[in-house]
Amino acid sequence: MWDFFETVRHRHSVRHYQPDMPVEREKLHAILEMACAAPSAGDLQSYHVTVVTAAAGREALRRAAADQAFVAEAPVVLVFCADPERSAGRFGERGRRLYALQDATIAAAYAQLAAVAAGMASTWVGDFDEEAVRGVIGAGPGLVPVALICVGYPAELPAESPRRPLAEVVRFLGETEG
């Protein structure tokens, strides 16, 4: 088992999955548990996750996601939806507009890291038709699809993508880097 830093370093977007290797129920459950362990505003967990494993559902999500073939190829697609009204009940307009979105995205990121820790890979998909995705998963009008997370055993090992140096991304106020 990897430590946290190795898990993060080994997370890459994978767009090809092994076709005869389904995601084990126990591992899927563990991934979902980790998503639900993610921090959220007021501990409200203002999001919902729909697990899509049926081929027809994954194919419909592929069409909704700009026809990206790997969406249907992945054995599991997790659809993360923000629940703005749940957050608005406690935090008003800022909860509706921002916190529910943050809650859903943090949970999705935790799911991606959990997939790596479980020996699998994932890809975050943000290019999709919201209404089409809502229709595929039967989400009510109050839920806002935020991300599709494709999960499965990788059939490729992508090269590391370059990252900007810390000096370009991070700014220290008050103290200098040590």
C-alpha atoms as a PDB file:
ATOM      1  CA  MET A   1       0.000   0.000   0.000  1.00  0.00           C
ATOM      2  CA  TRP A   2       1.297   3.448  -0.915  1.00  0.00           C
ATOM      3  CA  ASP A   3       1.587   6.373   1.392  1.00  0.00           C
ATOM      4  CA  PHE A   4      -0.372   9.506   0.587  1.00  0.00           C
ATOM      5  CA  PHE A   5       2.403  11.274  -1.318  1.00  0.00           C
ATOM      6  CA  GLU A   6       3.024   8.291  -3.584  1.00  0.00           C
ATOM      7  CA  THR A   7      -0.711   7.912  -4.174  1.00  0.00           C
ATOM      8  CA  VAL A   8      -0.955  11.525  -5.330  1.00  0.00           C
ATOM      9  CA  ARG A   9       2.154  11.200  -7.504  1.00  0.00           C
ATOM     10  CA  HIS A  10       0.739   8.070  -9.195  1.00  0.00           C
ATOM     11  CA  ARG A  11      -2.613   9.635 -10.036  1.00  0.00           C
ATOM     12  CA  HIS A  12      -2.780  10.203 -13.777  1.00  0.00           C
ATOM     13  CA  SER A  13      -5.686  10.538 -16.157  1.00  0.00           C
ATOM     14  CA  VAL A  14      -6.131   7.142 -17.802  1.00  0.00           C
ATOM     15  CA  ARG A  15      -8.272   6.877 -20.910  1.00  0.00           C
ATOM     16  CA  HIS A  16      -7.901   3.163 -21.676  1.00  0.00           C
ATOM     17  CA  TYR A  17      -9.155   0.478 -19.315  1.00  0.00           C
ATOM     18  CA  GLN A  18      -8.718  -3.290 -19.260  1.00  0.00           C
ATOM     19  CA  PRO A  19     -11.926  -4.680 -20.764  1.00  0.00           C
ATOM     20  CA  ASP A  20     -12.106  -7.971 -18.816  1.00  0.00           C
ATOM     21  CA  MET A  21     -11.345  -6.554 -15.387  1.00  0.00           C
ATOM     22  CA  PRO A  22     -14.445  -5.286 -13.616  1.00  0.00           C
ATOM     23  CA  VAL A  23     -14.119  -3.198 -10.478  1.00  0.00           C
ATOM     24  CA  GLU A  24     -14.657  -5.397  -7.454  1.00  0.00           C
ATOM     25  CA  ARG A  25     -17.652  -4.485  -5.310  1.00  0.00           C
ATOM     26  CA  GLU A  26     -15.495  -4.155  -2.173  1.00  0.00           C
ATOM     27  CA  LYS A  27     -13.083  -1.776  -3.879  1.00  0.00           C
ATOM     28  CA  LEU A  28     -15.923   0.291  -5.321  1.00  0.00           C
ATOM     29  CA  HIS A  29     -17.475   0.491  -1.856  1.00  0.00           C
ATOM     30  CA  ALA A  30     -14.114   1.603  -0.396  1.00  0.00           C
ATOM     31  CA  ILE A  31     -13.762   4.302  -3.076  1.00  0.00           C
ATOM     32  CA  LEU A  32     -17.261   5.588  -2.320  1.00  0.00           C
ATOM     33  CA  GLU A  33     -16.555   5.558   1.416  1.00  0.00           C
ATOM     34  CA  MET A  34     -13.452   7.694   0.855  1.00  0.00           C
ATOM     35  CA  ALA A  35     -15.436  10.113  -1.305  1.00  0.00           C
ATOM     36  CA  CYS A  36     -17.938  10.461   1.510  1.00  0.00           C
ATOM     37  CA  ALA A  37     -15.080  11.020   4.005  1.00  0.00           C
ATOM     38  CA  ALA A  38     -14.038  14.167   2.130  1.00  0.00           C
ATOM     39  CA  PRO A  39     -14.405  17.466   3.964  1.00  0.00           C
ATOM     40  CA  SER A  40     -17.498  19.478   3.170  1.00  0.00           C
ATOM     41  CA  ALA A  41     -18.909  22.822   4.227  1.00  0.00           C
ATOM     42  CA  GLY A  42     -20.667  22.376   7.554  1.00  0.00           C
ATOM     43  CA  ASP A  43     -20.276  18.594   7.128  1.00  0.00           C
ATOM     44  CA  LEU A  44     -23.434  18.749   4.992  1.00  0.00           C
ATOM     45  CA  GLN A  45     -22.061  16.648   2.110  1.00  0.00           C
ATOM     46  CA  SER A  46     -24.045  18.743  -0.354  1.00  0.00           C
ATOM     47  CA  TYR A  47     -23.642  16.300  -3.211  1.00  0.00           C
ATOM     48  CA  HIS A  48     -24.936  13.025  -4.599  1.00  0.00           C
ATOM     49  CA  VAL A  49     -23.029  10.280  -6.389  1.00  0.00           C
ATOM     50  CA  THR A  50     -24.584   8.015  -8.994  1.00  0.00           C
ATOM     51  CA  VAL A  51     -22.686   4.838  -9.848  1.00  0.00           C
ATOM     52  CA  VAL A  52     -23.143   3.799 -13.476  1.00  0.00           C
ATOM     53  CA  THR A  53     -21.956   0.295 -14.371  1.00  0.00           C
ATOM     54  CA  ALA A  54     -24.457  -0.836 -17.024  1.00  0.00           C
ATOM     55  CA  ALA A  55     -23.051  -0.684 -20.558  1.00  0.00           C
ATOM     56  CA  ALA A  56     -26.108   1.207 -21.848  1.00  0.00           C
ATOM     57  CA  GLY A  57     -25.734   3.868 -19.153  1.00  0.00           C
ATOM     58  CA  ARG A  58     -22.016   4.289 -19.797  1.00  0.00           C
ATOM     59  CA  GLU A  59     -22.689   4.545 -23.523  1.00  0.00           C
ATOM     60  CA  ALA A  60     -25.324   7.246 -22.899  1.00  0.00           C
ATOM     61  CA  LEU A  61     -22.831   9.118 -20.723  1.00  0.00           C
ATOM     62  CA  ARG A  62     -20.228   8.827 -23.508  1.00  0.00           C
ATOM     63  CA  ARG A  63     -22.645  10.534 -25.900  1.00  0.00           C
ATOM     64  CA  ALA A  64     -23.391  13.202 -23.287  1.00  0.00           C
ATOM     65  CA  ALA A  65     -19.651  13.746 -22.732  1.00  0.00           C
ATOM     66  CA  ALA A  66     -18.672  15.023 -26.179  1.00  0.00           C
ATOM     67  CA  ASP A  67     -18.487  11.461 -27.495  1.00  0.00           C
ATOM     68  CA  GLN A  68     -15.329  10.640 -25.504  1.00  0.00           C
ATOM     69  CA  ALA A  69     -15.010   6.884 -26.090  1.00  0.00           C
ATOM     70  CA  PHE A  70     -13.185   6.074 -22.834  1.00  0.00           C
ATOM     71  CA  VAL A  71     -16.297   7.040 -20.841  1.00  0.00           C
ATOM     72  CA  ALA A  72     -18.069   3.942 -22.165  1.00  0.00           C
ATOM     73  CA  GLU A  73     -14.879   1.859 -21.947  1.00  0.00           C
ATOM     74  CA  ALA A  74     -14.449   2.364 -18.194  1.00  0.00           C
ATOM     75  CA  PRO A  75     -16.306  -0.307 -16.219  1.00  0.00           C
ATOM     76  CA  VAL A  76     -17.548   2.274 -13.696  1.00  0.00           C
ATOM     77  CA  VAL A  77     -18.523   5.906 -14.108  1.00  0.00           C
ATOM     78  CA  LEU A  78     -19.204   7.911 -10.966  1.00  0.00           C
ATOM     79  CA  VAL A  79     -21.383  10.953 -11.566  1.00  0.00           C
ATOM     80  CA  PHE A  80     -20.893  13.625  -8.908  1.00  0.00           C
ATOM     81  CA  CYS A  81     -23.695  16.150  -8.601  1.00  0.00           C
ATOM     82  CA  ALA A  82     -23.789  19.224  -6.397  1.00  0.00           C
ATOM     83  CA  ASP A  83     -26.908  19.748  -4.261  1.00  0.00           C
ATOM     84  CA  PRO A  84     -27.015  23.549  -3.990  1.00  0.00           C
ATOM     85  CA  GLU A  85     -30.217  23.738  -1.949  1.00  0.00           C
ATOM     86  CA  ARG A  86     -28.843  21.458   0.748  1.00  0.00           C
ATOM     87  CA  SER A  87     -25.977  23.885   1.264  1.00  0.00           C
ATOM     88  CA  ALA A  88     -28.151  26.984   0.879  1.00  0.00           C
ATOM     89  CA  GLY A  89     -30.271  25.845   3.839  1.00  0.00           C
ATOM     90  CA  ARG A  90     -27.377  26.652   6.154  1.00  0.00           C
ATOM     91  CA  PHE A  91     -25.151  29.009   4.178  1.00  0.00           C
ATOM     92  CA  GLY A  92     -27.530  30.982   1.978  1.00  0.00           C
ATOM     93  CA  GLU A  93     -26.512  32.174  -1.445  1.00  0.00           C
ATOM     94  CA  ARG A  94     -22.782  31.480  -0.973  1.00  0.00           C
ATOM     95  CA  GLY A  95     -23.608  27.877  -0.079  1.00  0.00           C
ATOM     96  CA  ARG A  96     -25.894  27.580  -3.103  1.00  0.00           C
ATOM     97  CA  ARG A  97     -23.414  29.148  -5.518  1.00  0.00           C
ATOM     98  CA  LEU A  98     -20.072  27.885  -4.173  1.00  0.00           C
ATOM     99  CA  TYR A  99     -20.010  25.455  -1.246  1.00  0.00           C
ATOM    100  CA  ALA A 100     -22.095  22.696  -2.864  1.00  0.00           C
ATOM    101  CA  LEU A 101     -19.836  22.842  -5.931  1.00  0.00           C
ATOM    102  CA  GLN A 102     -16.753  22.651  -3.718  1.00  0.00           C
ATOM    103  CA  ASP A 103     -18.219  19.748  -1.735  1.00  0.00           C
ATOM    104  CA  ALA A 104     -18.876  17.737  -4.910  1.00  0.00           C
ATOM    105  CA  THR A 105     -15.466  18.425  -6.418  1.00  0.00           C
ATOM    106  CA  ILE A 106     -13.571  17.575  -3.234  1.00  0.00           C
ATOM    107  CA  ALA A 107     -15.503  14.299  -2.938  1.00  0.00           C
ATOM    108  CA  ALA A 108     -14.712  13.511  -6.594  1.00  0.00           C
ATOM    109  CA  ALA A 109     -11.008  14.194  -6.023  1.00  0.00           C
ATOM    110  CA  TYR A 110     -10.995  11.903  -2.981  1.00  0.00           C
ATOM    111  CA  ALA A 111     -12.613   9.195  -5.125  1.00  0.00           C
ATOM    112  CA  GLN A 112      -9.813   9.562  -7.671  1.00  0.00           C
ATOM    113  CA  LEU A 113      -7.130   9.192  -5.007  1.00  0.00           C
ATOM    114  CA  ALA A 114      -8.946   6.212  -3.479  1.00  0.00           C
ATOM    115  CA  ALA A 115      -9.028   4.537  -6.903  1.00  0.00           C
ATOM    116  CA  VAL A 116      -5.236   4.864  -7.144  1.00  0.00           C
ATOM    117  CA  ALA A 117      -4.789   3.516  -3.618  1.00  0.00           C
ATOM    118  CA  ALA A 118      -6.965   0.538  -4.632  1.00  0.00           C
ATOM    119  CA  GLY A 119      -4.706  -0.227  -7.613  1.00  0.00           C
ATOM    120  CA  MET A 120      -6.905   1.341 -10.259  1.00  0.00           C
ATOM    121  CA  ALA A 121      -6.974   4.506 -12.311  1.00  0.00           C
ATOM    122  CA  SER A 122      -9.469   7.190 -13.216  1.00  0.00           C
ATOM    123  CA  THR A 123     -10.158  10.162 -15.411  1.00  0.00           C
ATOM    124  CA  TRP A 124     -12.030  13.329 -14.488  1.00  0.00           C
ATOM    125  CA  VAL A 125     -14.477  14.348 -17.207  1.00  0.00           C
ATOM    126  CA  GLY A 126     -15.881  17.857 -17.125  1.00  0.00           C
ATOM    127  CA  ASP A 127     -16.827  18.273 -20.782  1.00  0.00           C
ATOM    128  CA  PHE A 128     -20.439  17.124 -20.881  1.00  0.00           C
ATOM    129  CA  ASP A 129     -23.984  18.272 -21.511  1.00  0.00           C
ATOM    130  CA  GLU A 130     -25.492  18.802 -18.046  1.00  0.00           C
ATOM    131  CA  GLU A 131     -29.061  18.143 -19.127  1.00  0.00           C
ATOM    132  CA  ALA A 132     -28.124  14.964 -20.969  1.00  0.00           C
ATOM    133  CA  VAL A 133     -26.195  13.651 -17.947  1.00  0.00           C
ATOM    134  CA  ARG A 134     -29.075  14.602 -15.654  1.00  0.00           C
ATOM    135  CA  GLY A 135     -31.379  12.591 -17.930  1.00  0.00           C
ATOM    136  CA  VAL A 136     -29.100   9.534 -18.020  1.00  0.00           C
ATOM    137  CA  ILE A 137     -28.902   9.297 -14.229  1.00  0.00           C
ATOM    138  CA  GLY A 138     -32.477  10.436 -13.548  1.00  0.00           C
ATOM    139  CA  ALA A 139     -31.356  13.378 -11.415  1.00  0.00           C
ATOM    140  CA  GLY A 140     -33.924  15.881 -10.311  1.00  0.00           C
ATOM    141  CA  PRO A 141     -33.717  19.515 -11.379  1.00  0.00           C
ATOM    142  CA  GLY A 142     -32.121  20.503  -8.052  1.00  0.00           C
ATOM    143  CA  LEU A 143     -28.956  18.491  -8.679  1.00  0.00           C
ATOM    144  CA  VAL A 144     -26.138  19.901 -10.806  1.00  0.00           C
ATOM    145  CA  PRO A 145     -23.792  17.398 -12.501  1.00  0.00           C
ATOM    146  CA  VAL A 146     -20.234  18.519 -11.791  1.00  0.00           C
ATOM    147  CA  ALA A 147     -17.934  15.672 -12.803  1.00  0.00           C
ATOM    148  CA  LEU A 148     -17.882  12.221 -14.313  1.00  0.00           C
ATOM    149  CA  ILE A 149     -15.136  10.069 -12.814  1.00  0.00           C
ATOM    150  CA  CYS A 150     -14.288   7.054 -14.979  1.00  0.00           C
ATOM    151  CA  VAL A 151     -12.786   4.228 -12.902  1.00  0.00           C
ATOM    152  CA  GLY A 152     -11.170   0.937 -13.857  1.00  0.00           C
ATOM    153  CA  TYR A 153      -7.963  -1.023 -14.190  1.00  0.00           C
ATOM    154  CA  PRO A 154      -5.607   0.808 -16.522  1.00  0.00           C
ATOM    155  CA  ALA A 155      -4.688  -0.593 -19.924  1.00  0.00           C
ATOM    156  CA  GLU A 156      -2.106   2.166 -20.326  1.00  0.00           C
ATOM    157  CA  LEU A 157       0.456   3.901 -18.172  1.00  0.00           C
ATOM    158  CA  PRO A 158       0.503   7.526 -19.254  1.00  0.00           C
ATOM    159  CA  ALA A 159       3.683   9.537 -18.936  1.00  0.00           C
ATOM    160  CA  GLU A 160       3.865  12.068 -16.148  1.00  0.00           C
ATOM    161  CA  SER A 161       2.473  15.382 -17.242  1.00  0.00           C
ATOM    162  CA  PRO A 162       4.613  18.425 -16.588  1.00  0.00           C
ATOM    163  CA  ARG A 163       3.757  20.595 -13.610  1.00  0.00           C
ATOM    164  CA  ARG A 164       4.522  24.248 -13.103  1.00  0.00           C
ATOM    165  CA  PRO A 165       7.301  24.911 -10.602  1.00  0.00           C
ATOM    166  CA  LEU A 166       6.142  25.892  -7.120  1.00  0.00           C
ATOM    167  CA  ALA A 167       7.651  29.354  -7.593  1.00  0.00           C
ATOM    168  CA  GLU A 168       5.154  30.002 -10.402  1.00  0.00           C
ATOM    169  CA  VAL A 169       2.167  28.793  -8.411  1.00  0.00           C
ATOM    170  CA  VAL A 170       2.848  29.593  -4.759  1.00  0.00           C
ATOM    171  CA  ARG A 171       3.363  32.988  -3.165  1.00  0.00           C
ATOM    172  CA  PHE A 172       4.467  33.406   0.454  1.00  0.00           C
ATOM    173  CA  LEU A 173       3.283  36.357   2.522  1.00  0.00           C
ATOM    174  CA  GLY A 174       5.020  37.188   5.777  1.00  0.00           C
ATOM    175  CA  GLU A 175       7.513  34.358   5.791  1.00  0.00           C
ATOM    176  CA  THR A 176       9.812  33.126   3.109  1.00  0.00           C
ATOM    177  CA  GLU A 177      10.043  29.601   1.852  1.00  0.00           C
ATOM    178  CA  GLY A 178      12.254  27.753   4.140  1.00  0.00           C
END
